[in-house]
Amino acid sequence: MLPQLFILERLRRLRAAAPPTPPGLAGHPALADEPASVAPPVPAGGGRRLLISIGYLVAGVWSAALGLEAFILPNGLFDGGVTGISLLAARLTHQPQFVSLFLVVFNLPFIWLGYRQLGRDFAIRALAAILGLALVLVFVPFPVITQDKMLIAVFGGFFLGAGIGLAMRGGGVLDGTEILAVYLSRKASLSMGDFVLVLNILIFIVVALVLSVQTALYSILTYLAASKTIEFVVNGIEEYTGVTIISAHGDAIRRALTERLGRGVTVYAGHRGYGSRGEQPEAIDIVFTVVTRLEVSQVTHEVNLLDPKAFVIMQSVNDARGGMVKKRALH
């Protein structure tokens, strides 16, 4: 989930910098003489994409504000990342009205880091989203919906996570932790996920020591609900899955996937290693396809019909484009 923010922004910058090349002309010698001063054509639909991006950011701001004002803030719970640090600072200074100020101040260094790492457009969107959230928290009152701690943790995390996820879909952020994680993952041996986990553990330890263990436990539940919601919003219900099938009936499986399910496949030429019947160095076809999570059961059903003993490997795919890959519903 966390690397996608960096990858998506890099893709946007590359697409904006490079003019589209007509099919079949990539690497053509004639293109070597093209003047470098020729400005690339303006991508079609740029205004529409900008409006969609703004829509995501606005929806993200309102969803996060609802989660904070109607659930988390009135009941003294916390989240992870910069948002959690801001809430904790407001609680320790006994100035809950300064949550908006803390959100902006604590995120400013990360926005600057995002400007250096991901570009000006990203920094502008991130700053606009964070300022928008701060203004909504100051000027728009939300009713307190429930006093039940479990409902507060689950639904507060849900709305806050949905807001952060929508902001990421719009090309910005509401929490600067992801930006710092991208930067530090290049400088240290920790991965982005490891860094965010360590930071959040420290936040919840402080909450447990300064406030109470019960508050820390409910806050951890809030964070888990928010993180799973971010993953769902960013990836969508149709998260891509890469399926690798190793079977003696590879050609039949290939035909089933292409003809019956209409999925694109790639066939690799491979050799068996050491199987259940000893060494088997004979050649074998390896079938690979990328499908959505909703289509995985169809693929496995077809494979089981043809070869119940087939070796099937599945792994999550962050993104896939082109070919016969079905578009995600939320993109």
C-alpha atoms as a PDB file:
ATOM      1  CA  MET A   1       0.000   0.000   0.000  1.00  0.00           C
ATOM      2  CA  LEU A   2       2.620   2.592   1.073  1.00  0.00           C
ATOM      3  CA  PRO A   3       4.882   2.315  -1.983  1.00  0.00           C
ATOM      4  CA  GLN A   4       1.955   3.062  -4.317  1.00  0.00           C
ATOM      5  CA  LEU A   5       1.961   6.778  -3.465  1.00  0.00           C
ATOM      6  CA  PHE A   6       5.571   7.068  -4.634  1.00  0.00           C
ATOM      7  CA  ILE A   7       5.051   4.863  -7.704  1.00  0.00           C
ATOM      8  CA  LEU A   8       1.878   6.631  -8.880  1.00  0.00           C
ATOM      9  CA  GLU A   9       3.478  10.074  -8.602  1.00  0.00           C
ATOM     10  CA  ARG A  10       6.570   8.930 -10.487  1.00  0.00           C
ATOM     11  CA  LEU A  11       4.346   7.553 -13.262  1.00  0.00           C
ATOM     12  CA  ARG A  12       2.465  10.862 -13.489  1.00  0.00           C
ATOM     13  CA  ARG A  13       5.719  12.776 -13.830  1.00  0.00           C
ATOM     14  CA  LEU A  14       7.100  10.424 -16.467  1.00  0.00           C
ATOM     15  CA  ARG A  15       3.906  10.589 -18.512  1.00  0.00           C
ATOM     16  CA  ALA A  16       3.832  14.375 -18.310  1.00  0.00           C
ATOM     17  CA  ALA A  17       7.467  14.655 -19.374  1.00  0.00           C
ATOM     18  CA  ALA A  18       7.417  12.272 -22.340  1.00  0.00           C
ATOM     19  CA  PRO A  19       5.288  12.789 -25.475  1.00  0.00           C
ATOM     20  CA  PRO A  20       3.295   9.779 -26.609  1.00  0.00           C
ATOM     21  CA  THR A  21       5.102   7.656 -29.193  1.00  0.00           C
ATOM     22  CA  PRO A  22       2.997   6.207 -32.032  1.00  0.00           C
ATOM     23  CA  PRO A  23       2.660   2.410 -31.947  1.00  0.00           C
ATOM     24  CA  GLY A  24       5.491   0.593 -33.657  1.00  0.00           C
ATOM     25  CA  LEU A  25       7.813   3.620 -33.735  1.00  0.00           C
ATOM     26  CA  ALA A  26       9.518   3.200 -30.363  1.00  0.00           C
ATOM     27  CA  GLY A  27      13.263   3.271 -30.901  1.00  0.00           C
ATOM     28  CA  HIS A  28      12.916   4.065 -34.637  1.00  0.00           C
ATOM     29  CA  PRO A  29      16.109   5.673 -36.034  1.00  0.00           C
ATOM     30  CA  ALA A  30      14.120   8.528 -37.547  1.00  0.00           C
ATOM     31  CA  LEU A  31      13.156   9.696 -34.072  1.00  0.00           C
ATOM     32  CA  ALA A  32      16.811  10.318 -33.193  1.00  0.00           C
ATOM     33  CA  ASP A  33      16.854  13.425 -35.409  1.00  0.00           C
ATOM     34  CA  GLU A  34      13.715  14.964 -33.922  1.00  0.00           C
ATOM     35  CA  PRO A  35      14.480  18.447 -32.477  1.00  0.00           C
ATOM     36  CA  ALA A  36      14.665  18.441 -28.699  1.00  0.00           C
ATOM     37  CA  SER A  37      13.009  21.860 -28.556  1.00  0.00           C
ATOM     38  CA  VAL A  38       9.675  20.586 -29.856  1.00  0.00           C
ATOM     39  CA  ALA A  39       7.180  20.835 -27.023  1.00  0.00           C
ATOM     40  CA  PRO A  40       5.303  17.623 -26.219  1.00  0.00           C
ATOM     41  CA  PRO A  41       1.603  17.663 -27.019  1.00  0.00           C
ATOM     42  CA  VAL A  42      -0.798  18.339 -24.192  1.00  0.00           C
ATOM     43  CA  PRO A  43      -2.269  15.017 -22.990  1.00  0.00           C
ATOM     44  CA  ALA A  44      -5.918  14.619 -23.859  1.00  0.00           C
ATOM     45  CA  GLY A  45      -8.362  14.728 -20.956  1.00  0.00           C
ATOM     46  CA  GLY A  46      -5.988  16.660 -18.654  1.00  0.00           C
ATOM     47  CA  GLY A  47      -8.788  18.895 -17.381  1.00  0.00           C
ATOM     48  CA  ARG A  48     -11.006  15.932 -16.625  1.00  0.00           C
ATOM     49  CA  ARG A  49      -8.216  14.174 -14.716  1.00  0.00           C
ATOM     50  CA  LEU A  50      -7.585  17.356 -12.717  1.00  0.00           C
ATOM     51  CA  LEU A  51     -11.272  17.598 -11.759  1.00  0.00           C
ATOM     52  CA  ILE A  52     -11.311  13.949 -10.708  1.00  0.00           C
ATOM     53  CA  SER A  53      -8.181  14.511  -8.628  1.00  0.00           C
ATOM     54  CA  ILE A  54      -9.740  17.543  -6.921  1.00  0.00           C
ATOM     55  CA  GLY A  55     -12.896  15.519  -6.287  1.00  0.00           C
ATOM     56  CA  TYR A  56     -10.870  12.791  -4.569  1.00  0.00           C
ATOM     57  CA  LEU A  57      -9.068  15.356  -2.424  1.00  0.00           C
ATOM     58  CA  VAL A  58     -12.278  17.115  -1.366  1.00  0.00           C
ATOM     59  CA  ALA A  59     -14.009  13.827  -0.536  1.00  0.00           C
ATOM     60  CA  GLY A  60     -10.930  12.728   1.403  1.00  0.00           C
ATOM     61  CA  VAL A  61     -10.882  15.912   3.475  1.00  0.00           C
ATOM     62  CA  TRP A  62     -14.545  15.605   4.453  1.00  0.00           C
ATOM     63  CA  SER A  63     -14.311  11.903   5.251  1.00  0.00           C
ATOM     64  CA  ALA A  64     -11.235  12.385   7.448  1.00  0.00           C
ATOM     65  CA  ALA A  65     -12.853  15.355   9.188  1.00  0.00           C
ATOM     66  CA  LEU A  66     -15.949  13.263   9.909  1.00  0.00           C
ATOM     67  CA  GLY A  67     -13.853  10.484  11.397  1.00  0.00           C
ATOM     68  CA  LEU A  68     -11.906  12.892  13.593  1.00  0.00           C
ATOM     69  CA  GLU A  69     -14.711  15.218  14.741  1.00  0.00           C
ATOM     70  CA  ALA A  70     -17.600  12.770  15.080  1.00  0.00           C
ATOM     71  CA  PHE A  71     -15.681   9.805  16.526  1.00  0.00           C
ATOM     72  CA  ILE A  72     -12.006  10.108  17.479  1.00  0.00           C
ATOM     73  CA  LEU A  73     -11.497  13.594  18.971  1.00  0.00           C
ATOM     74  CA  PRO A  74     -14.533  13.757  21.328  1.00  0.00           C
ATOM     75  CA  ASN A  75     -13.676  10.367  22.798  1.00  0.00           C
ATOM     76  CA  GLY A  76      -9.946  10.796  23.288  1.00  0.00           C
ATOM     77  CA  LEU A  77      -8.660   8.118  20.917  1.00  0.00           C
ATOM     78  CA  PHE A  78      -5.623   8.312  18.658  1.00  0.00           C
ATOM     79  CA  ASP A  79      -4.396   7.174  15.270  1.00  0.00           C
ATOM     80  CA  GLY A  80      -0.904   6.456  13.990  1.00  0.00           C
ATOM     81  CA  GLY A  81       1.438   8.622  11.937  1.00  0.00           C
ATOM     82  CA  VAL A  82       1.488  12.417  11.935  1.00  0.00           C
ATOM     83  CA  THR A  83      -2.243  12.483  12.688  1.00  0.00           C
ATOM     84  CA  GLY A  84      -1.646  10.489  15.864  1.00  0.00           C
ATOM     85  CA  ILE A  85       1.264  12.738  16.870  1.00  0.00           C
ATOM     86  CA  SER A  86      -0.943  15.816  16.366  1.00  0.00           C
ATOM     87  CA  LEU A  87      -3.756  14.344  18.454  1.00  0.00           C
ATOM     88  CA  LEU A  88      -1.312  13.334  21.184  1.00  0.00           C
ATOM     89  CA  ALA A  89       0.272  16.809  21.237  1.00  0.00           C
ATOM     90  CA  ALA A  90      -3.139  18.453  21.576  1.00  0.00           C
ATOM     91  CA  ARG A  91      -4.025  16.082  24.425  1.00  0.00           C
ATOM     92  CA  LEU A  92      -0.772  16.562  26.341  1.00  0.00           C
ATOM     93  CA  THR A  93      -0.907  20.368  26.022  1.00  0.00           C
ATOM     94  CA  HIS A  94      -4.607  20.377  27.014  1.00  0.00           C
ATOM     95  CA  GLN A  95      -5.351  22.407  23.869  1.00  0.00           C
ATOM     96  CA  PRO A  96      -7.744  20.253  21.788  1.00  0.00           C
ATOM     97  CA  GLN A  97      -8.676  23.298  19.709  1.00  0.00           C
ATOM     98  CA  PHE A  98      -5.112  23.336  18.346  1.00  0.00           C
ATOM     99  CA  VAL A  99      -5.394  19.950  16.611  1.00  0.00           C
ATOM    100  CA  SER A 100      -5.772  21.692  13.245  1.00  0.00           C
ATOM    101  CA  LEU A 101      -2.676  23.820  13.891  1.00  0.00           C
ATOM    102  CA  PHE A 102      -0.643  20.783  14.930  1.00  0.00           C
ATOM    103  CA  LEU A 103      -1.749  18.891  11.821  1.00  0.00           C
ATOM    104  CA  VAL A 104      -0.428  21.652   9.576  1.00  0.00           C
ATOM    105  CA  VAL A 105       2.776  22.363  11.527  1.00  0.00           C
ATOM    106  CA  PHE A 106       3.816  18.726  11.917  1.00  0.00           C
ATOM    107  CA  ASN A 107       3.093  17.971   8.265  1.00  0.00           C
ATOM    108  CA  LEU A 108       5.031  20.940   6.832  1.00  0.00           C
ATOM    109  CA  PRO A 109       8.476  19.230   6.987  1.00  0.00           C
ATOM    110  CA  PHE A 110       7.049  16.193   5.221  1.00  0.00           C
ATOM    111  CA  ILE A 111       5.435  18.348   2.529  1.00  0.00           C
ATOM    112  CA  TRP A 112       8.838  19.950   1.908  1.00  0.00           C
ATOM    113  CA  LEU A 113      10.374  16.479   1.724  1.00  0.00           C
ATOM    114  CA  GLY A 114       7.627  15.464  -0.704  1.00  0.00           C
ATOM    115  CA  TYR A 115       8.444  18.506  -2.825  1.00  0.00           C
ATOM    116  CA  ARG A 116      12.069  17.391  -3.003  1.00  0.00           C
ATOM    117  CA  GLN A 117      11.268  13.733  -3.661  1.00  0.00           C
ATOM    118  CA  LEU A 118       8.002  13.707  -5.622  1.00  0.00           C
ATOM    119  CA  GLY A 119       7.750  17.133  -7.213  1.00  0.00           C
ATOM    120  CA  ARG A 120       5.895  20.429  -6.991  1.00  0.00           C
ATOM    121  CA  ASP A 121       2.475  19.138  -8.099  1.00  0.00           C
ATOM    122  CA  PHE A 122       2.442  16.548  -5.349  1.00  0.00           C
ATOM    123  CA  ALA A 123       3.507  19.081  -2.713  1.00  0.00           C
ATOM    124  CA  ILE A 124       0.786  21.534  -3.784  1.00  0.00           C
ATOM    125  CA  ARG A 125      -1.910  18.859  -3.608  1.00  0.00           C
ATOM    126  CA  ALA A 126      -0.676  17.612  -0.244  1.00  0.00           C
ATOM    127  CA  LEU A 127      -0.563  21.124   1.216  1.00  0.00           C
ATOM    128  CA  ALA A 128      -4.027  21.943  -0.151  1.00  0.00           C
ATOM    129  CA  ALA A 129      -5.489  18.733   1.302  1.00  0.00           C
ATOM    130  CA  ILE A 130      -3.944  19.245   4.757  1.00  0.00           C
ATOM    131  CA  LEU A 131      -4.967  22.923   4.898  1.00  0.00           C
ATOM    132  CA  GLY A 132      -8.460  21.943   3.766  1.00  0.00           C
ATOM    133  CA  LEU A 133      -8.711  19.367   6.557  1.00  0.00           C
ATOM    134  CA  ALA A 134      -7.504  21.904   9.125  1.00  0.00           C
ATOM    135  CA  LEU A 135     -10.061  24.495   7.982  1.00  0.00           C
ATOM    136  CA  VAL A 136     -12.926  22.004   8.021  1.00  0.00           C
ATOM    137  CA  LEU A 137     -12.003  20.920  11.557  1.00  0.00           C
ATOM    138  CA  VAL A 138     -12.014  24.564  12.685  1.00  0.00           C
ATOM    139  CA  PHE A 139     -15.144  25.888  10.980  1.00  0.00           C
ATOM    140  CA  VAL A 140     -17.464  22.899  10.403  1.00  0.00           C
ATOM    141  CA  PRO A 141     -19.090  21.286  13.466  1.00  0.00           C
ATOM    142  CA  PHE A 142     -19.853  17.559  13.372  1.00  0.00           C
ATOM    143  CA  PRO A 143     -22.222  15.847  15.809  1.00  0.00           C
ATOM    144  CA  VAL A 144     -20.851  13.199  18.158  1.00  0.00           C
ATOM    145  CA  ILE A 145     -22.463  10.035  16.815  1.00  0.00           C
ATOM    146  CA  THR A 146     -21.799   7.472  19.556  1.00  0.00           C
ATOM    147  CA  GLN A 147     -20.132   6.946  22.929  1.00  0.00           C
ATOM    148  CA  ASP A 148     -19.446   3.251  22.413  1.00  0.00           C
ATOM    149  CA  LYS A 149     -15.654   2.769  22.398  1.00  0.00           C
ATOM    150  CA  MET A 150     -15.734  -0.161  19.984  1.00  0.00           C
ATOM    151  CA  LEU A 151     -17.907   1.678  17.453  1.00  0.00           C
ATOM    152  CA  ILE A 152     -15.750   4.777  17.831  1.00  0.00           C
ATOM    153  CA  ALA A 153     -12.553   2.836  17.128  1.00  0.00           C
ATOM    154  CA  VAL A 154     -13.932   0.941  14.137  1.00  0.00           C
ATOM    155  CA  PHE A 155     -15.914   3.673  12.393  1.00  0.00           C
ATOM    156  CA  GLY A 156     -13.575   6.498  13.359  1.00  0.00           C
ATOM    157  CA  GLY A 157     -10.734   4.509  11.803  1.00  0.00           C
ATOM    158  CA  PHE A 158     -12.896   3.688   8.805  1.00  0.00           C
ATOM    159  CA  PHE A 159     -13.788   7.293   7.937  1.00  0.00           C
ATOM    160  CA  LEU A 160     -10.274   8.568   8.682  1.00  0.00           C
ATOM    161  CA  GLY A 161      -8.701   5.801   6.586  1.00  0.00           C
ATOM    162  CA  ALA A 162     -11.164   6.425   3.756  1.00  0.00           C
ATOM    163  CA  GLY A 163     -10.188  10.105   3.793  1.00  0.00           C
ATOM    164  CA  ILE A 164      -6.461   9.356   3.676  1.00  0.00           C
ATOM    165  CA  GLY A 165      -6.995   6.793   0.912  1.00  0.00           C
ATOM    166  CA  LEU A 166      -9.104   9.151  -1.200  1.00  0.00           C
ATOM    167  CA  ALA A 167      -6.478  11.875  -0.813  1.00  0.00           C
ATOM    168  CA  MET A 168      -3.845   9.413  -2.048  1.00  0.00           C
ATOM    169  CA  ARG A 169      -6.061   8.577  -5.039  1.00  0.00           C
ATOM    170  CA  GLY A 170      -6.172  12.316  -5.739  1.00  0.00           C
ATOM    171  CA  GLY A 171      -2.382  12.573  -5.772  1.00  0.00           C
ATOM    172  CA  GLY A 172      -1.904  14.082  -2.291  1.00  0.00           C
ATOM    173  CA  VAL A 173      -1.723  13.025   1.329  1.00  0.00           C
ATOM    174  CA  LEU A 174      -3.368  13.879   4.636  1.00  0.00           C
ATOM    175  CA  ASP A 175      -0.564  12.312   6.658  1.00  0.00           C
ATOM    176  CA  GLY A 176       3.118  12.914   5.912  1.00  0.00           C
ATOM    177  CA  THR A 177       4.357   9.628   7.367  1.00  0.00           C
ATOM    178  CA  GLU A 178       4.264   7.926   3.986  1.00  0.00           C
ATOM    179  CA  ILE A 179       6.548  10.572   2.477  1.00  0.00           C
ATOM    180  CA  LEU A 180       9.137  10.139   5.225  1.00  0.00           C
ATOM    181  CA  ALA A 181       8.886   6.363   4.867  1.00  0.00           C
ATOM    182  CA  VAL A 182       9.643   6.596   1.138  1.00  0.00           C
ATOM    183  CA  TYR A 183      12.686   8.787   1.862  1.00  0.00           C
ATOM    184  CA  LEU A 184      14.106   6.705   4.703  1.00  0.00           C
ATOM    185  CA  SER A 185      13.622   3.425   2.862  1.00  0.00           C
ATOM    186  CA  ARG A 186      16.284   4.661   0.409  1.00  0.00           C
ATOM    187  CA  LYS A 187      18.708   5.654   3.158  1.00  0.00           C
ATOM    188  CA  ALA A 188      18.320   2.764   5.620  1.00  0.00           C
ATOM    189  CA  SER A 189      17.766  -0.967   5.627  1.00  0.00           C
ATOM    190  CA  LEU A 190      14.204  -0.572   6.950  1.00  0.00           C
ATOM    191  CA  SER A 191      11.410  -0.928   4.428  1.00  0.00           C
ATOM    192  CA  MET A 192       8.608   1.653   4.295  1.00  0.00           C
ATOM    193  CA  GLY A 193       6.230  -0.696   6.081  1.00  0.00           C
ATOM    194  CA  ASP A 194       8.803  -1.412   8.809  1.00  0.00           C
ATOM    195  CA  PHE A 195       9.414   2.282   9.431  1.00  0.00           C
ATOM    196  CA  VAL A 196       5.703   3.137   9.719  1.00  0.00           C
ATOM    197  CA  LEU A 197       5.188   0.157  12.037  1.00  0.00           C
ATOM    198  CA  VAL A 198       8.051   1.223  14.326  1.00  0.00           C
ATOM    199  CA  LEU A 199       6.793   4.833  14.437  1.00  0.00           C
ATOM    200  CA  ASN A 200       3.256   3.784  15.309  1.00  0.00           C
ATOM    201  CA  ILE A 201       4.461   1.363  17.996  1.00  0.00           C
ATOM    202  CA  LEU A 202       6.320   4.244  19.636  1.00  0.00           C
ATOM    203  CA  ILE A 203       3.208   6.447  19.475  1.00  0.00           C
ATOM    204  CA  PHE A 204       1.002   3.822  21.102  1.00  0.00           C
ATOM    205  CA  ILE A 205       3.618   3.082  23.787  1.00  0.00           C
ATOM    206  CA  VAL A 206       3.592   6.783  24.712  1.00  0.00           C
ATOM    207  CA  VAL A 207      -0.217   6.755  24.815  1.00  0.00           C
ATOM    208  CA  ALA A 208      -0.167   3.692  27.093  1.00  0.00           C
ATOM    209  CA  LEU A 209       2.418   5.227  29.457  1.00  0.00           C
ATOM    210  CA  VAL A 210       1.027   8.766  29.603  1.00  0.00           C
ATOM    211  CA  LEU A 211      -2.713   8.054  29.436  1.00  0.00           C
ATOM    212  CA  SER A 212      -3.864   4.447  29.840  1.00  0.00           C
ATOM    213  CA  VAL A 213      -3.391   0.991  28.378  1.00  0.00           C
ATOM    214  CA  GLN A 214      -7.093   0.825  27.483  1.00  0.00           C
ATOM    215  CA  THR A 215      -6.870   4.038  25.463  1.00  0.00           C
ATOM    216  CA  ALA A 216      -3.799   2.693  23.662  1.00  0.00           C
ATOM    217  CA  LEU A 217      -5.566  -0.582  22.828  1.00  0.00           C
ATOM    218  CA  TYR A 218      -8.619   1.182  21.401  1.00  0.00           C
ATOM    219  CA  SER A 219      -6.293   3.500  19.471  1.00  0.00           C
ATOM    220  CA  ILE A 220      -4.496   0.492  17.976  1.00  0.00           C
ATOM    221  CA  LEU A 221      -7.884  -0.800  16.838  1.00  0.00           C
ATOM    222  CA  THR A 222      -8.574   2.613  15.273  1.00  0.00           C
ATOM    223  CA  TYR A 223      -5.249   2.480  13.449  1.00  0.00           C
ATOM    224  CA  LEU A 224      -5.898  -1.050  12.147  1.00  0.00           C
ATOM    225  CA  ALA A 225      -9.339  -0.054  10.865  1.00  0.00           C
ATOM    226  CA  ALA A 226      -7.853   3.012   9.171  1.00  0.00           C
ATOM    227  CA  SER A 227      -4.967   1.100   7.551  1.00  0.00           C
ATOM    228  CA  LYS A 228      -7.230  -1.612   6.134  1.00  0.00           C
ATOM    229  CA  THR A 229      -9.608   1.047   4.778  1.00  0.00           C
ATOM    230  CA  ILE A 230      -6.694   2.882   3.120  1.00  0.00           C
ATOM    231  CA  GLU A 231      -5.625  -0.365   1.464  1.00  0.00           C
ATOM    232  CA  PHE A 232      -9.167  -1.007   0.228  1.00  0.00           C
ATOM    233  CA  VAL A 233      -9.665   2.532  -1.117  1.00  0.00           C
ATOM    234  CA  VAL A 234      -6.281   2.645  -2.859  1.00  0.00           C
ATOM    235  CA  ASN A 235      -6.393  -0.854  -4.332  1.00  0.00           C
ATOM    236  CA  GLY A 236     -10.150  -1.153  -4.803  1.00  0.00           C
ATOM    237  CA  ILE A 237     -12.227  -4.301  -4.468  1.00  0.00           C
ATOM    238  CA  GLU A 238     -10.633  -5.642  -7.625  1.00  0.00           C
ATOM    239  CA  GLU A 239      -7.058  -5.851  -6.413  1.00  0.00           C
ATOM    240  CA  TYR A 240      -4.856  -7.534  -8.986  1.00  0.00           C
ATOM    241  CA  THR A 241      -3.492 -11.030  -8.375  1.00  0.00           C
ATOM    242  CA  GLY A 242      -0.738 -12.702 -10.364  1.00  0.00           C
ATOM    243  CA  VAL A 243      -1.356 -16.434 -10.827  1.00  0.00           C
ATOM    244  CA  THR A 244       1.452 -18.800 -11.869  1.00  0.00           C
ATOM    245  CA  ILE A 245       0.369 -22.324 -12.861  1.00  0.00           C
ATOM    246  CA  ILE A 246       2.860 -25.188 -13.269  1.00  0.00           C
ATOM    247  CA  SER A 247       1.172 -28.254 -14.723  1.00  0.00           C
ATOM    248  CA  ALA A 248       1.743 -31.059 -17.221  1.00  0.00           C
ATOM    249  CA  HIS A 249      -1.535 -29.902 -18.825  1.00  0.00           C
ATOM    250  CA  GLY A 250      -0.306 -26.342 -19.389  1.00  0.00           C
ATOM    251  CA  ASP A 251      -1.657 -26.044 -22.922  1.00  0.00           C
ATOM    252  CA  ALA A 252      -5.156 -27.147 -21.892  1.00  0.00           C
ATOM    253  CA  ILE A 253      -5.091 -24.689 -18.984  1.00  0.00           C
ATOM    254  CA  ARG A 254      -3.939 -21.918 -21.327  1.00  0.00           C
ATOM    255  CA  ARG A 255      -6.855 -22.584 -23.688  1.00  0.00           C
ATOM    256  CA  ALA A 256      -9.325 -22.671 -20.786  1.00  0.00           C
ATOM    257  CA  LEU A 257      -8.145 -19.292 -19.485  1.00  0.00           C
ATOM    258  CA  THR A 258      -8.054 -17.592 -22.877  1.00  0.00           C
ATOM    259  CA  GLU A 259     -11.110 -19.160 -24.534  1.00  0.00           C
ATOM    260  CA  ARG A 260     -13.521 -19.763 -21.655  1.00  0.00           C
ATOM    261  CA  LEU A 261     -12.581 -16.907 -19.306  1.00  0.00           C
ATOM    262  CA  GLY A 262     -11.243 -14.449 -21.898  1.00  0.00           C
ATOM    263  CA  ARG A 263      -8.106 -13.715 -19.879  1.00  0.00           C
ATOM    264  CA  GLY A 264      -4.688 -12.975 -21.345  1.00  0.00           C
ATOM    265  CA  VAL A 265      -1.867 -15.339 -20.416  1.00  0.00           C
ATOM    266  CA  THR A 266       1.897 -15.613 -20.849  1.00  0.00           C
ATOM    267  CA  VAL A 267       3.502 -19.042 -21.280  1.00  0.00           C
ATOM    268  CA  TYR A 268       7.067 -19.610 -20.085  1.00  0.00           C
ATOM    269  CA  ALA A 269       9.197 -22.581 -21.107  1.00  0.00           C
ATOM    270  CA  GLY A 270      10.541 -24.281 -18.007  1.00  0.00           C
ATOM    271  CA  HIS A 271      11.968 -27.531 -16.662  1.00  0.00           C
ATOM    272  CA  ARG A 272      10.863 -29.577 -13.702  1.00  0.00           C
ATOM    273  CA  GLY A 273      13.215 -29.836 -10.767  1.00  0.00           C
ATOM    274  CA  TYR A 274      12.879 -32.481  -8.093  1.00  0.00           C
ATOM    275  CA  GLY A 275       9.263 -33.598  -7.721  1.00  0.00           C
ATOM    276  CA  SER A 276       7.389 -36.143  -5.605  1.00  0.00           C
ATOM    277  CA  ARG A 277       8.517 -38.945  -7.917  1.00  0.00           C
ATOM    278  CA  GLY A 278      12.180 -37.979  -7.827  1.00  0.00           C
ATOM    279  CA  GLU A 279      14.211 -36.007 -10.331  1.00  0.00           C
ATOM    280  CA  GLN A 280      12.162 -34.988 -13.394  1.00  0.00           C
ATOM    281  CA  PRO A 281      14.226 -32.851 -15.775  1.00  0.00           C
ATOM    282  CA  GLU A 282      11.641 -32.852 -18.575  1.00  0.00           C
ATOM    283  CA  ALA A 283      10.392 -29.601 -20.107  1.00  0.00           C
ATOM    284  CA  ILE A 284       7.103 -28.105 -18.943  1.00  0.00           C
ATOM    285  CA  ASP A 285       5.038 -25.012 -19.787  1.00  0.00           C
ATOM    286  CA  ILE A 286       4.468 -22.432 -17.040  1.00  0.00           C
ATOM    287  CA  VAL A 287       1.279 -20.380 -17.446  1.00  0.00           C
ATOM    288  CA  PHE A 288       1.096 -16.898 -15.926  1.00  0.00           C
ATOM    289  CA  THR A 289      -1.918 -14.575 -15.853  1.00  0.00           C
ATOM    290  CA  VAL A 290      -3.012 -11.428 -14.006  1.00  0.00           C
ATOM    291  CA  VAL A 291      -6.633 -11.294 -12.851  1.00  0.00           C
ATOM    292  CA  THR A 292      -8.675  -9.358 -10.332  1.00  0.00           C
ATOM    293  CA  ARG A 293      -9.330 -10.800  -6.913  1.00  0.00           C
ATOM    294  CA  LEU A 294     -12.923 -11.497  -7.903  1.00  0.00           C
ATOM    295  CA  GLU A 295     -11.750 -13.673 -10.788  1.00  0.00           C
ATOM    296  CA  VAL A 296      -9.317 -15.833  -8.792  1.00  0.00           C
ATOM    297  CA  SER A 297     -11.973 -18.420  -7.934  1.00  0.00           C
ATOM    298  CA  GLN A 298     -12.851 -18.827 -11.624  1.00  0.00           C
ATOM    299  CA  VAL A 299      -9.207 -19.419 -12.512  1.00  0.00           C
ATOM    300  CA  THR A 300      -8.630 -21.951  -9.736  1.00  0.00           C
ATOM    301  CA  HIS A 301     -11.860 -23.765 -10.670  1.00  0.00           C
ATOM    302  CA  GLU A 302     -10.726 -24.184 -14.279  1.00  0.00           C
ATOM    303  CA  VAL A 303      -7.285 -25.363 -13.166  1.00  0.00           C
ATOM    304  CA  ASN A 304      -8.743 -27.905 -10.737  1.00  0.00           C
ATOM    305  CA  LEU A 305     -10.985 -29.326 -13.449  1.00  0.00           C
ATOM    306  CA  LEU A 306      -8.000 -29.970 -15.733  1.00  0.00           C
ATOM    307  CA  ASP A 307      -5.292 -30.845 -13.201  1.00  0.00           C
ATOM    308  CA  PRO A 308      -6.132 -31.097  -9.477  1.00  0.00           C
ATOM    309  CA  LYS A 309      -2.409 -31.644  -8.733  1.00  0.00           C
ATOM    310  CA  ALA A 310      -1.227 -28.486 -10.500  1.00  0.00           C
ATOM    311  CA  PHE A 311       1.178 -26.264  -8.575  1.00  0.00           C
ATOM    312  CA  VAL A 312      -0.479 -22.824  -8.337  1.00  0.00           C
ATOM    313  CA  ILE A 313       1.254 -19.720  -6.950  1.00  0.00           C
ATOM    314  CA  MET A 314      -0.655 -16.482  -6.255  1.00  0.00           C
ATOM    315  CA  GLN A 315       0.747 -13.079  -5.294  1.00  0.00           C
ATOM    316  CA  SER A 316      -0.654  -9.580  -4.990  1.00  0.00           C
ATOM    317  CA  VAL A 317       0.183  -7.156  -7.816  1.00  0.00           C
ATOM    318  CA  ASN A 318       0.367  -3.437  -6.974  1.00  0.00           C
ATOM    319  CA  ASP A 319      -0.656  -2.318 -10.444  1.00  0.00           C
ATOM    320  CA  ALA A 320      -0.986  -3.624 -13.994  1.00  0.00           C
ATOM    321  CA  ARG A 321      -1.708  -1.821 -17.237  1.00  0.00           C
ATOM    322  CA  GLY A 322      -2.215  -2.727 -20.864  1.00  0.00           C
ATOM    323  CA  GLY A 323      -2.851  -6.129 -22.364  1.00  0.00           C
ATOM    324  CA  MET A 324      -6.146  -7.756 -21.449  1.00  0.00           C
ATOM    325  CA  VAL A 325      -6.105  -6.767 -17.788  1.00  0.00           C
ATOM    326  CA  LYS A 326      -9.518  -5.693 -16.578  1.00  0.00           C
ATOM    327  CA  LYS A 327      -9.612  -2.111 -15.301  1.00  0.00           C
ATOM    328  CA  ARG A 328     -10.289  -1.548 -11.649  1.00  0.00           C
ATOM    329  CA  ALA A 329     -13.709  -0.164 -10.865  1.00  0.00           C
ATOM    330  CA  LEU A 330     -12.423   2.798  -8.841  1.00  0.00           C
ATOM    331  CA  HIS A 331      -9.739   3.977 -11.301  1.00  0.00           C
END
